Amino acid sequence: MKCSVIVFDLGNVLIPFDYTKPIQYFNNIKPGLGDRFAQLYKKNYHIHRSFEKGELTRSKYLMQMIEWLEGMVTGEEFSKIFSDIFTLNQDIIDLLPQLKKHYTLCLLSNTNEIHKEYGYQHYTFLNYFDKLFLSHEVGAIKPEEKIYRTVEKFTGRPSDEHLFVDDIHEYVEGAKACGWDGIQFKSYEDLLKEFDSRKILFNSR
């Protein structure tokens, strides 16, 4: 197999995320508010998924979030706080310009419009990608076949020339079911070994 396209997941590969900060923020508004919100969010995770697929509008999503937070925050406040969860995985980001010299680079993420607008769209490393495939814009989420095939339609390359890097095993398996190669991301060092074994061209520090 000759790899011509490398597709990266976003969250916990390029930008680790941690919801501790917003939960604590809500707890500071009212004791236990953030903890109760987190439990409701987890129990009703289908709402999150529906928002990621673009099926649920932002206004309806925010209405539900504010209800769970007992009306103690505004939609704007929630959007800012709930998106203040990301940090940069600089080691992986530094690989992008090297990889771009040899491969088509795509980003494939289960995400939502609030996290995009308030959380990560300003990151300049996104410019290294030839195309961003965001679930709420595609209308499908990993591991659904449609989201991987949407990438193929853009690249015009055979399925087996795509290599997918994602931290979630299920999503890597979804890519493999479409004929892609896949790597479950665990660490920078592990990823370099996986790249080496496939003779991926890059220069690490």
N, C-alpha and C. Protein backbone atom coordinates (compact mmCIF):
# COMPACT_ATOMS: atom_id res chain seq x y z
N MET A 1 0.83 -1.20 0.00
CA MET A 1 0.00 0.00 0.00
C MET A 1 0.87 1.25 0.00
N LYS A 2 0.58 2.16 -0.90
CA LYS A 2 1.27 3.45 -0.94
C LYS A 2 0.35 4.51 -0.34
N CYS A 3 0.74 5.06 0.78
CA CYS A 3 -0.08 6.08 1.43
C CYS A 3 0.11 7.41 0.72
N SER A 4 -0.99 8.05 0.37
CA SER A 4 -0.91 9.39 -0.24
C SER A 4 -1.71 10.42 0.57
N VAL A 5 -2.55 9.94 1.49
CA VAL A 5 -3.40 10.82 2.29
C VAL A 5 -3.30 10.44 3.77
N ILE A 6 -2.98 11.41 4.62
CA ILE A 6 -2.99 11.16 6.06
C ILE A 6 -4.10 12.00 6.68
N VAL A 7 -4.97 11.32 7.42
CA VAL A 7 -6.14 11.96 8.01
C VAL A 7 -6.00 11.93 9.53
N PHE A 8 -6.07 13.10 10.14
CA PHE A 8 -5.93 13.21 11.59
C PHE A 8 -7.27 13.51 12.24
N ASP A 9 -7.48 12.88 13.39
CA ASP A 9 -8.52 13.31 14.31
C ASP A 9 -8.05 14.60 14.97
N LEU A 10 -8.97 15.34 15.56
CA LEU A 10 -8.63 16.61 16.21
C LEU A 10 -8.49 16.46 17.72
N GLY A 11 -9.58 16.16 18.41
CA GLY A 11 -9.57 16.10 19.87
C GLY A 11 -8.77 14.94 20.42
N ASN A 12 -7.90 15.24 21.37
CA ASN A 12 -7.02 14.29 22.05
C ASN A 12 -5.94 13.70 21.16
N VAL A 13 -5.80 14.22 19.94
CA VAL A 13 -4.65 13.92 19.09
C VAL A 13 -3.86 15.21 18.89
N LEU A 14 -4.51 16.19 18.27
CA LEU A 14 -3.87 17.50 18.05
C LEU A 14 -4.16 18.47 19.19
N ILE A 15 -5.37 18.40 19.71
CA ILE A 15 -5.73 19.28 20.83
C ILE A 15 -6.40 18.47 21.94
N PRO A 16 -5.63 18.07 22.95
CA PRO A 16 -6.23 17.41 24.11
C PRO A 16 -7.30 18.30 24.74
N PHE A 17 -8.32 17.68 25.33
CA PHE A 17 -9.35 18.48 25.99
C PHE A 17 -9.67 17.92 27.36
N ASP A 18 -10.13 18.82 28.23
CA ASP A 18 -10.41 18.47 29.62
C ASP A 18 -11.58 19.34 30.10
N TYR A 19 -12.66 18.68 30.52
CA TYR A 19 -13.86 19.40 30.93
C TYR A 19 -13.83 19.82 32.40
N THR A 20 -12.72 19.59 33.09
CA THR A 20 -12.63 19.94 34.51
C THR A 20 -12.91 21.42 34.75
N LYS A 21 -12.33 22.27 33.90
CA LYS A 21 -12.45 23.72 34.10
C LYS A 21 -13.90 24.21 34.01
N PRO A 22 -14.67 23.87 32.96
CA PRO A 22 -16.06 24.34 32.94
C PRO A 22 -16.92 23.75 34.06
N ILE A 23 -16.68 22.49 34.41
CA ILE A 23 -17.46 21.88 35.49
C ILE A 23 -17.21 22.63 36.79
N GLN A 24 -15.94 22.98 37.05
CA GLN A 24 -15.60 23.73 38.25
C GLN A 24 -16.20 25.13 38.22
N TYR A 25 -16.21 25.74 37.03
CA TYR A 25 -16.80 27.07 36.86
C TYR A 25 -18.28 27.04 37.26
N PHE A 26 -18.99 26.02 36.80
CA PHE A 26 -20.42 25.90 37.13
C PHE A 26 -20.61 25.59 38.62
N ASN A 27 -19.71 24.79 39.18
CA ASN A 27 -19.78 24.50 40.63
C ASN A 27 -19.57 25.77 41.46
N ASN A 28 -18.77 26.68 40.94
CA ASN A 28 -18.50 27.93 41.65
C ASN A 28 -19.71 28.87 41.62
N ILE A 29 -20.55 28.72 40.60
CA ILE A 29 -21.78 29.51 40.54
C ILE A 29 -22.76 29.05 41.62
N LYS A 30 -22.84 27.73 41.75
CA LYS A 30 -23.72 27.14 42.77
C LYS A 30 -23.14 25.77 43.12
N PRO A 31 -22.91 25.48 44.37
CA PRO A 31 -22.32 24.20 44.76
C PRO A 31 -23.06 23.01 44.15
N GLY A 32 -22.31 22.14 43.46
CA GLY A 32 -22.87 20.93 42.87
C GLY A 32 -23.49 21.12 41.50
N LEU A 33 -23.63 22.38 41.05
CA LEU A 33 -24.29 22.64 39.76
C LEU A 33 -23.53 21.97 38.61
N GLY A 34 -22.21 22.12 38.60
CA GLY A 34 -21.41 21.54 37.54
C GLY A 34 -21.44 20.02 37.56
N ASP A 35 -21.39 19.44 38.75
CA ASP A 35 -21.43 17.99 38.88
C ASP A 35 -22.76 17.43 38.39
N ARG A 36 -23.85 18.10 38.75
CA ARG A 36 -25.17 17.66 38.29
C ARG A 36 -25.28 17.81 36.77
N PHE A 37 -24.74 18.90 36.25
CA PHE A 37 -24.76 19.12 34.80
C PHE A 37 -24.00 18.00 34.09
N ALA A 38 -22.82 17.65 34.61
CA ALA A 38 -22.00 16.60 33.99
C ALA A 38 -22.74 15.27 33.96
N GLN A 39 -23.46 14.97 35.03
CA GLN A 39 -24.23 13.72 35.10
C GLN A 39 -25.35 13.72 34.07
N LEU A 40 -26.05 14.85 33.96
CA LEU A 40 -27.14 14.95 32.99
C LEU A 40 -26.61 14.86 31.56
N TYR A 41 -25.47 15.48 31.33
CA TYR A 41 -24.87 15.47 29.98
C TYR A 41 -24.51 14.04 29.58
N LYS A 42 -23.89 13.33 30.52
CA LYS A 42 -23.49 11.95 30.24
C LYS A 42 -24.69 11.04 30.05
N LYS A 43 -25.71 11.22 30.89
CA LYS A 43 -26.92 10.39 30.82
C LYS A 43 -27.67 10.62 29.52
N ASN A 44 -27.59 11.84 29.00
CA ASN A 44 -28.32 12.20 27.77
C ASN A 44 -27.36 12.48 26.62
N TYR A 45 -26.36 11.61 26.48
CA TYR A 45 -25.27 11.85 25.52
C TYR A 45 -25.77 11.88 24.08
N HIS A 46 -26.96 11.32 23.85
CA HIS A 46 -27.52 11.35 22.50
C HIS A 46 -27.77 12.79 22.04
N ILE A 47 -27.98 13.69 22.99
CA ILE A 47 -28.18 15.11 22.63
C ILE A 47 -26.88 15.68 22.08
N HIS A 48 -25.77 15.35 22.73
CA HIS A 48 -24.44 15.76 22.26
C HIS A 48 -24.20 15.22 20.85
N ARG A 49 -24.49 13.94 20.65
CA ARG A 49 -24.28 13.31 19.35
C ARG A 49 -25.14 13.97 18.27
N SER A 50 -26.37 14.27 18.61
CA SER A 50 -27.27 14.91 17.66
C SER A 50 -26.76 16.29 17.26
N PHE A 51 -26.18 17.00 18.19
CA PHE A 51 -25.60 18.31 17.91
C PHE A 51 -24.36 18.18 17.04
N GLU A 52 -23.55 17.15 17.32
CA GLU A 52 -22.36 16.90 16.51
C GLU A 52 -22.71 16.55 15.06
N LYS A 53 -23.84 15.90 14.86
CA LYS A 53 -24.25 15.52 13.50
C LYS A 53 -24.93 16.66 12.76
N GLY A 54 -25.16 17.76 13.47
CA GLY A 54 -25.84 18.88 12.84
C GLY A 54 -27.34 18.70 12.76
N GLU A 55 -27.87 17.71 13.47
CA GLU A 55 -29.31 17.44 13.47
C GLU A 55 -30.04 18.37 14.44
N LEU A 56 -29.37 18.70 15.53
CA LEU A 56 -29.95 19.57 16.55
C LEU A 56 -29.41 20.98 16.36
N THR A 57 -30.29 21.97 16.32
CA THR A 57 -29.85 23.35 16.12
C THR A 57 -29.12 23.87 17.36
N ARG A 58 -28.30 24.88 17.14
CA ARG A 58 -27.57 25.48 18.25
C ARG A 58 -28.54 26.04 19.29
N SER A 59 -29.60 26.68 18.85
CA SER A 59 -30.53 27.30 19.80
C SER A 59 -31.22 26.25 20.68
N LYS A 60 -31.60 25.11 20.09
CA LYS A 60 -32.24 24.05 20.88
C LYS A 60 -31.25 23.38 21.82
N TYR A 61 -30.02 23.21 21.35
CA TYR A 61 -28.97 22.64 22.20
C TYR A 61 -28.71 23.54 23.40
N LEU A 62 -28.53 24.84 23.13
CA LEU A 62 -28.26 25.79 24.22
C LEU A 62 -29.43 25.88 25.19
N MET A 63 -30.64 25.79 24.67
CA MET A 63 -31.82 25.83 25.53
C MET A 63 -31.77 24.68 26.55
N GLN A 64 -31.36 23.50 26.07
CA GLN A 64 -31.27 22.34 26.96
C GLN A 64 -30.13 22.51 27.96
N MET A 65 -28.99 23.01 27.49
CA MET A 65 -27.85 23.20 28.39
C MET A 65 -28.19 24.18 29.52
N ILE A 66 -28.83 25.29 29.15
CA ILE A 66 -29.18 26.31 30.13
C ILE A 66 -30.21 25.78 31.13
N GLU A 67 -31.11 24.94 30.64
CA GLU A 67 -32.09 24.32 31.54
C GLU A 67 -31.38 23.45 32.57
N TRP A 68 -30.41 22.65 32.13
CA TRP A 68 -29.65 21.78 33.05
C TRP A 68 -28.84 22.61 34.04
N LEU A 69 -28.47 23.82 33.62
CA LEU A 69 -27.70 24.71 34.50
C LEU A 69 -28.60 25.67 35.27
N GLU A 70 -29.89 25.31 35.31
CA GLU A 70 -30.89 26.02 36.12
C GLU A 70 -30.99 27.50 35.77
N GLY A 71 -30.73 27.81 34.51
CA GLY A 71 -30.87 29.18 34.03
C GLY A 71 -29.86 30.15 34.60
N MET A 72 -28.77 29.63 35.14
CA MET A 72 -27.80 30.48 35.82
C MET A 72 -26.68 31.01 34.93
N VAL A 73 -26.68 30.61 33.66
CA VAL A 73 -25.72 31.16 32.69
C VAL A 73 -26.47 31.53 31.42
N THR A 74 -25.90 32.42 30.64
CA THR A 74 -26.46 32.76 29.33
C THR A 74 -25.90 31.81 28.29
N GLY A 75 -26.50 31.82 27.12
CA GLY A 75 -26.01 30.99 26.02
C GLY A 75 -24.59 31.36 25.63
N GLU A 76 -24.31 32.65 25.60
CA GLU A 76 -22.97 33.13 25.26
C GLU A 76 -21.95 32.71 26.31
N GLU A 77 -22.32 32.85 27.57
CA GLU A 77 -21.42 32.46 28.66
C GLU A 77 -21.14 30.96 28.61
N PHE A 78 -22.17 30.18 28.41
CA PHE A 78 -21.99 28.73 28.31
C PHE A 78 -21.06 28.37 27.17
N SER A 79 -21.29 28.98 26.00
CA SER A 79 -20.50 28.66 24.81
C SER A 79 -19.01 28.93 25.05
N LYS A 80 -18.70 30.05 25.70
CA LYS A 80 -17.31 30.40 25.97
C LYS A 80 -16.69 29.44 26.99
N ILE A 81 -17.38 29.21 28.08
CA ILE A 81 -16.84 28.38 29.16
C ILE A 81 -16.73 26.92 28.73
N PHE A 82 -17.74 26.42 28.05
CA PHE A 82 -17.77 25.01 27.66
C PHE A 82 -16.77 24.72 26.54
N SER A 83 -16.23 25.75 25.92
CA SER A 83 -15.24 25.58 24.85
C SER A 83 -13.83 25.86 25.34
N ASP A 84 -13.69 26.28 26.59
CA ASP A 84 -12.37 26.58 27.15
C ASP A 84 -11.80 25.30 27.75
N ILE A 85 -11.56 24.33 26.87
CA ILE A 85 -11.18 22.99 27.32
C ILE A 85 -9.94 22.47 26.60
N PHE A 86 -9.45 23.20 25.61
CA PHE A 86 -8.43 22.66 24.71
C PHE A 86 -7.02 23.15 25.05
N THR A 87 -6.05 22.27 24.82
CA THR A 87 -4.64 22.63 24.85
C THR A 87 -4.01 22.07 23.57
N LEU A 88 -2.77 22.45 23.30
CA LEU A 88 -2.11 22.03 22.06
C LEU A 88 -1.16 20.86 22.31
N ASN A 89 -1.22 19.85 21.45
CA ASN A 89 -0.24 18.78 21.44
C ASN A 89 0.84 19.18 20.44
N GLN A 90 1.77 19.98 20.89
CA GLN A 90 2.72 20.64 19.99
C GLN A 90 3.60 19.65 19.22
N ASP A 91 3.95 18.53 19.84
CA ASP A 91 4.77 17.54 19.14
C ASP A 91 4.11 17.06 17.85
N ILE A 92 2.82 16.76 17.94
CA ILE A 92 2.10 16.29 16.75
C ILE A 92 1.92 17.43 15.76
N ILE A 93 1.59 18.60 16.26
CA ILE A 93 1.41 19.77 15.39
C ILE A 93 2.68 20.06 14.60
N ASP A 94 3.84 19.88 15.23
CA ASP A 94 5.11 20.14 14.55
C ASP A 94 5.39 19.17 13.42
N LEU A 95 4.72 18.03 13.41
CA LEU A 95 4.88 17.07 12.31
C LEU A 95 4.14 17.51 11.04
N LEU A 96 3.10 18.32 11.21
CA LEU A 96 2.22 18.64 10.08
C LEU A 96 2.94 19.27 8.89
N PRO A 97 3.77 20.31 9.09
CA PRO A 97 4.43 20.90 7.93
C PRO A 97 5.38 19.93 7.24
N GLN A 98 5.96 18.99 7.99
CA GLN A 98 6.84 17.99 7.38
C GLN A 98 6.02 17.01 6.54
N LEU A 99 4.91 16.56 7.09
CA LEU A 99 4.04 15.61 6.38
C LEU A 99 3.42 16.23 5.14
N LYS A 100 3.10 17.51 5.24
CA LYS A 100 2.43 18.20 4.14
C LYS A 100 3.28 18.25 2.87
N LYS A 101 4.60 18.13 3.02
CA LYS A 101 5.50 18.13 1.86
C LYS A 101 5.28 16.90 0.98
N HIS A 102 4.76 15.84 1.58
CA HIS A 102 4.67 14.55 0.88
C HIS A 102 3.26 13.99 0.75
N TYR A 103 2.33 14.49 1.55
CA TYR A 103 1.00 13.88 1.60
C TYR A 103 -0.11 14.93 1.59
N THR A 104 -1.28 14.50 1.12
CA THR A 104 -2.48 15.30 1.32
C THR A 104 -2.88 15.13 2.78
N LEU A 105 -3.13 16.24 3.46
CA LEU A 105 -3.51 16.18 4.87
C LEU A 105 -4.97 16.59 5.04
N CYS A 106 -5.72 15.76 5.77
CA CYS A 106 -7.12 16.08 6.07
C CYS A 106 -7.36 15.94 7.57
N LEU A 107 -8.33 16.68 8.05
CA LEU A 107 -8.75 16.60 9.45
C LEU A 107 -10.16 16.04 9.49
N LEU A 108 -10.38 15.06 10.36
CA LEU A 108 -11.69 14.41 10.46
C LEU A 108 -12.09 14.35 11.93
N SER A 109 -13.14 15.09 12.28
CA SER A 109 -13.47 15.23 13.70
C SER A 109 -14.96 15.17 13.98
N ASN A 110 -15.31 14.45 15.04
CA ASN A 110 -16.64 14.57 15.63
C ASN A 110 -16.60 15.81 16.51
N THR A 111 -17.29 16.85 16.11
CA THR A 111 -17.23 18.11 16.83
C THR A 111 -18.54 18.87 16.62
N ASN A 112 -18.61 20.07 17.13
CA ASN A 112 -19.83 20.85 16.98
C ASN A 112 -19.48 22.32 16.72
N GLU A 113 -20.47 23.07 16.27
CA GLU A 113 -20.22 24.44 15.83
C GLU A 113 -19.81 25.36 16.98
N ILE A 114 -20.24 25.08 18.20
CA ILE A 114 -19.85 25.92 19.34
C ILE A 114 -18.37 25.72 19.66
N HIS A 115 -17.93 24.47 19.71
CA HIS A 115 -16.51 24.21 19.97
C HIS A 115 -15.63 24.77 18.85
N LYS A 116 -16.13 24.71 17.62
CA LYS A 116 -15.37 25.28 16.51
C LYS A 116 -15.24 26.80 16.68
N GLU A 117 -16.36 27.47 16.89
CA GLU A 117 -16.37 28.93 16.93
C GLU A 117 -15.64 29.48 18.16
N TYR A 118 -15.87 28.88 19.31
CA TYR A 118 -15.33 29.42 20.55
C TYR A 118 -14.06 28.72 21.03
N GLY A 119 -13.79 27.53 20.49
CA GLY A 119 -12.70 26.74 21.05
C GLY A 119 -11.43 26.62 20.23
N TYR A 120 -11.58 26.33 18.91
CA TYR A 120 -10.36 25.97 18.19
C TYR A 120 -10.17 26.58 16.80
N GLN A 121 -11.16 27.26 16.26
CA GLN A 121 -11.02 27.70 14.87
C GLN A 121 -9.89 28.71 14.65
N HIS A 122 -9.40 29.34 15.73
CA HIS A 122 -8.33 30.33 15.60
C HIS A 122 -6.95 29.69 15.53
N TYR A 123 -6.84 28.39 15.78
CA TYR A 123 -5.52 27.76 15.76
C TYR A 123 -4.94 27.76 14.35
N THR A 124 -3.74 28.30 14.21
CA THR A 124 -3.15 28.45 12.87
C THR A 124 -2.71 27.12 12.27
N PHE A 125 -2.49 26.09 13.08
CA PHE A 125 -2.06 24.80 12.52
C PHE A 125 -3.12 24.19 11.60
N LEU A 126 -4.36 24.63 11.74
CA LEU A 126 -5.42 24.13 10.86
C LEU A 126 -5.14 24.45 9.40
N ASN A 127 -4.32 25.47 9.16
CA ASN A 127 -4.00 25.86 7.78
C ASN A 127 -3.15 24.83 7.06
N TYR A 128 -2.54 23.91 7.79
CA TYR A 128 -1.75 22.86 7.14
C TYR A 128 -2.63 21.82 6.45
N PHE A 129 -3.88 21.77 6.83
CA PHE A 129 -4.77 20.77 6.25
C PHE A 129 -5.37 21.24 4.93
N ASP A 130 -5.43 20.32 3.99
CA ASP A 130 -6.04 20.62 2.70
C ASP A 130 -7.55 20.76 2.84
N LYS A 131 -8.12 20.08 3.83
CA LYS A 131 -9.56 20.14 4.03
C LYS A 131 -9.90 19.68 5.44
N LEU A 132 -10.86 20.36 6.06
CA LEU A 132 -11.38 19.96 7.37
C LEU A 132 -12.74 19.29 7.18
N PHE A 133 -12.88 18.10 7.72
CA PHE A 133 -14.16 17.39 7.67
C PHE A 133 -14.71 17.33 9.09
N LEU A 134 -15.69 18.19 9.37
CA LEU A 134 -16.26 18.33 10.70
C LEU A 134 -17.65 17.71 10.70
N SER A 135 -17.92 16.87 11.67
CA SER A 135 -19.15 16.07 11.67
C SER A 135 -20.41 16.91 11.50
N HIS A 136 -20.47 18.05 12.18
CA HIS A 136 -21.69 18.86 12.12
C HIS A 136 -21.89 19.49 10.73
N GLU A 137 -20.81 19.57 9.94
CA GLU A 137 -20.92 20.09 8.58
C GLU A 137 -21.17 18.98 7.57
N VAL A 138 -20.63 17.79 7.85
CA VAL A 138 -20.80 16.64 6.96
C VAL A 138 -22.18 16.01 7.14
N GLY A 139 -22.69 16.07 8.39
CA GLY A 139 -23.98 15.43 8.68
C GLY A 139 -23.83 13.96 9.02
N ALA A 140 -22.65 13.60 9.51
CA ALA A 140 -22.37 12.22 9.93
C ALA A 140 -21.26 12.24 10.96
N ILE A 141 -21.22 11.21 11.80
CA ILE A 141 -20.18 11.11 12.82
C ILE A 141 -19.42 9.80 12.65
N LYS A 142 -18.17 9.81 13.08
CA LYS A 142 -17.42 8.56 13.17
C LYS A 142 -18.11 7.64 14.18
N PRO A 143 -18.21 6.35 13.95
CA PRO A 143 -17.60 5.59 12.86
C PRO A 143 -18.54 5.32 11.67
N GLU A 144 -19.48 6.21 11.39
CA GLU A 144 -20.39 5.99 10.26
C GLU A 144 -19.62 6.06 8.94
N GLU A 145 -19.97 5.17 8.03
CA GLU A 145 -19.24 5.08 6.75
C GLU A 145 -19.26 6.40 5.98
N LYS A 146 -20.36 7.10 6.03
CA LYS A 146 -20.51 8.32 5.23
C LYS A 146 -19.39 9.33 5.46
N ILE A 147 -18.94 9.47 6.71
CA ILE A 147 -17.96 10.51 7.00
C ILE A 147 -16.59 10.19 6.39
N TYR A 148 -16.25 8.89 6.34
CA TYR A 148 -14.99 8.49 5.71
C TYR A 148 -15.08 8.62 4.18
N ARG A 149 -16.23 8.23 3.64
CA ARG A 149 -16.40 8.32 2.18
C ARG A 149 -16.41 9.77 1.71
N THR A 150 -16.86 10.68 2.57
CA THR A 150 -16.83 12.10 2.22
C THR A 150 -15.39 12.57 2.02
N VAL A 151 -14.49 12.06 2.85
CA VAL A 151 -13.06 12.38 2.68
C VAL A 151 -12.56 11.86 1.34
N GLU A 152 -12.92 10.63 1.00
CA GLU A 152 -12.48 10.02 -0.26
C GLU A 152 -12.97 10.80 -1.47
N LYS A 153 -14.19 11.30 -1.39
CA LYS A 153 -14.73 12.09 -2.50
C LYS A 153 -13.89 13.34 -2.75
N PHE A 154 -13.37 13.92 -1.66
CA PHE A 154 -12.52 15.10 -1.79
C PHE A 154 -11.14 14.74 -2.34
N THR A 155 -10.52 13.70 -1.79
CA THR A 155 -9.15 13.38 -2.19
C THR A 155 -9.07 12.74 -3.57
N GLY A 156 -10.10 11.98 -3.92
CA GLY A 156 -10.08 11.28 -5.20
C GLY A 156 -9.08 10.14 -5.25
N ARG A 157 -8.59 9.74 -4.09
CA ARG A 157 -7.61 8.66 -4.01
C ARG A 157 -8.28 7.36 -3.59
N PRO A 158 -7.68 6.20 -3.96
CA PRO A 158 -8.24 4.91 -3.54
C PRO A 158 -8.29 4.80 -2.02
N SER A 159 -9.23 4.01 -1.54
CA SER A 159 -9.42 3.85 -0.09
C SER A 159 -8.12 3.46 0.61
N ASP A 160 -7.37 2.52 0.01
CA ASP A 160 -6.19 2.00 0.69
C ASP A 160 -4.99 2.94 0.68
N GLU A 161 -5.15 4.13 0.12
CA GLU A 161 -4.09 5.14 0.19
C GLU A 161 -4.32 6.13 1.33
N HIS A 162 -5.38 5.90 2.11
CA HIS A 162 -5.70 6.77 3.25
C HIS A 162 -5.22 6.14 4.55
N LEU A 163 -4.55 6.93 5.37
CA LEU A 163 -4.10 6.51 6.70
C LEU A 163 -4.77 7.42 7.73
N PHE A 164 -5.45 6.81 8.69
CA PHE A 164 -6.21 7.57 9.69
C PHE A 164 -5.58 7.44 11.06
N VAL A 165 -5.44 8.57 11.75
CA VAL A 165 -4.88 8.60 13.10
C VAL A 165 -5.95 9.14 14.05
N ASP A 166 -6.39 8.31 15.00
CA ASP A 166 -7.44 8.69 15.94
C ASP A 166 -7.16 8.02 17.28
N ASP A 167 -7.52 8.67 18.38
CA ASP A 167 -7.28 8.08 19.70
C ASP A 167 -8.30 7.03 20.07
N ILE A 168 -9.44 6.99 19.38
CA ILE A 168 -10.51 6.06 19.74
C ILE A 168 -10.50 4.84 18.81
N HIS A 169 -10.34 3.67 19.40
CA HIS A 169 -10.22 2.41 18.66
C HIS A 169 -11.40 2.20 17.70
N GLU A 170 -12.59 2.46 18.18
CA GLU A 170 -13.81 2.24 17.38
C GLU A 170 -13.78 3.06 16.09
N TYR A 171 -13.23 4.27 16.15
CA TYR A 171 -13.20 5.14 14.98
C TYR A 171 -12.12 4.71 14.00
N VAL A 172 -11.02 4.17 14.53
CA VAL A 172 -9.98 3.61 13.67
C VAL A 172 -10.52 2.38 12.94
N GLU A 173 -11.28 1.56 13.65
CA GLU A 173 -11.88 0.38 13.04
C GLU A 173 -12.89 0.76 11.98
N GLY A 174 -13.60 1.87 12.19
CA GLY A 174 -14.54 2.35 11.18
C GLY A 174 -13.82 2.71 9.88
N ALA A 175 -12.65 3.31 10.02
CA ALA A 175 -11.84 3.65 8.85
C ALA A 175 -11.35 2.39 8.15
N LYS A 176 -10.89 1.43 8.93
CA LYS A 176 -10.39 0.17 8.36
C LYS A 176 -11.49 -0.58 7.62
N ALA A 177 -12.72 -0.47 8.12
CA ALA A 177 -13.86 -1.12 7.47
C ALA A 177 -14.12 -0.52 6.09
N CYS A 178 -13.63 0.70 5.89
CA CYS A 178 -13.76 1.37 4.59
C CYS A 178 -12.55 1.12 3.69
N GLY A 179 -11.62 0.30 4.16
CA GLY A 179 -10.45 -0.02 3.36
C GLY A 179 -9.24 0.84 3.65
N TRP A 180 -9.33 1.70 4.66
CA TRP A 180 -8.20 2.55 5.03
C TRP A 180 -7.23 1.79 5.93
N ASP A 181 -6.03 2.34 6.06
CA ASP A 181 -5.13 1.92 7.12
C ASP A 181 -5.44 2.81 8.32
N GLY A 182 -5.13 2.35 9.51
CA GLY A 182 -5.45 3.14 10.70
C GLY A 182 -4.47 2.93 11.83
N ILE A 183 -4.25 3.99 12.60
CA ILE A 183 -3.40 3.95 13.77
C ILE A 183 -4.18 4.52 14.95
N GLN A 184 -4.26 3.77 16.04
CA GLN A 184 -4.84 4.32 17.25
C GLN A 184 -3.77 5.13 17.97
N PHE A 185 -4.01 6.42 18.13
CA PHE A 185 -3.03 7.30 18.74
C PHE A 185 -2.97 7.06 20.25
N LYS A 186 -1.74 6.84 20.73
CA LYS A 186 -1.52 6.65 22.17
C LYS A 186 -0.51 7.64 22.71
N SER A 187 0.53 7.92 21.92
CA SER A 187 1.55 8.88 22.33
C SER A 187 2.32 9.32 21.09
N TYR A 188 3.05 10.40 21.23
CA TYR A 188 3.89 10.90 20.16
C TYR A 188 4.93 9.85 19.74
N GLU A 189 5.60 9.26 20.73
CA GLU A 189 6.64 8.27 20.44
C GLU A 189 6.06 7.06 19.73
N ASP A 190 4.89 6.61 20.17
CA ASP A 190 4.23 5.47 19.54
C ASP A 190 3.85 5.79 18.09
N LEU A 191 3.38 7.00 17.87
CA LEU A 191 2.99 7.40 16.52
C LEU A 191 4.20 7.41 15.59
N LEU A 192 5.33 7.90 16.07
CA LEU A 192 6.54 7.90 15.24
C LEU A 192 6.93 6.47 14.84
N LYS A 193 6.81 5.54 15.77
CA LYS A 193 7.11 4.13 15.47
C LYS A 193 6.15 3.58 14.41
N GLU A 194 4.87 3.93 14.55
CA GLU A 194 3.88 3.47 13.57
C GLU A 194 4.17 4.07 12.19
N PHE A 195 4.54 5.35 12.16
CA PHE A 195 4.91 5.99 10.90
C PHE A 195 6.14 5.32 10.29
N ASP A 196 7.14 5.06 11.13
CA ASP A 196 8.37 4.42 10.65
C ASP A 196 8.08 3.06 10.02
N SER A 197 7.20 2.30 10.67
CA SER A 197 6.89 0.96 10.17
C SER A 197 6.19 0.99 8.81
N ARG A 198 5.58 2.14 8.50
CA ARG A 198 4.88 2.30 7.22
C ARG A 198 5.70 3.12 6.23
N LYS A 199 6.92 3.48 6.65
CA LYS A 199 7.81 4.30 5.81
C LYS A 199 7.18 5.65 5.44
N ILE A 200 6.45 6.21 6.40
CA ILE A 200 5.90 7.56 6.23
C ILE A 200 7.04 8.55 6.30
N LEU A 201 7.06 9.50 5.37
CA LEU A 201 8.14 10.48 5.29
C LEU A 201 7.89 11.67 6.21
N PHE A 202 8.80 11.88 7.15
CA PHE A 202 8.71 13.03 8.05
C PHE A 202 10.07 13.21 8.72
N ASN A 203 10.27 14.38 9.30
CA ASN A 203 11.48 14.64 10.07
C ASN A 203 11.07 15.03 11.48
N SER A 204 11.28 14.15 12.43
CA SER A 204 10.97 14.48 13.82
C SER A 204 12.14 15.22 14.41
N ARG A 205 11.90 15.90 15.52
CA ARG A 205 12.97 16.65 16.17
C ARG A 205 14.01 15.72 16.77
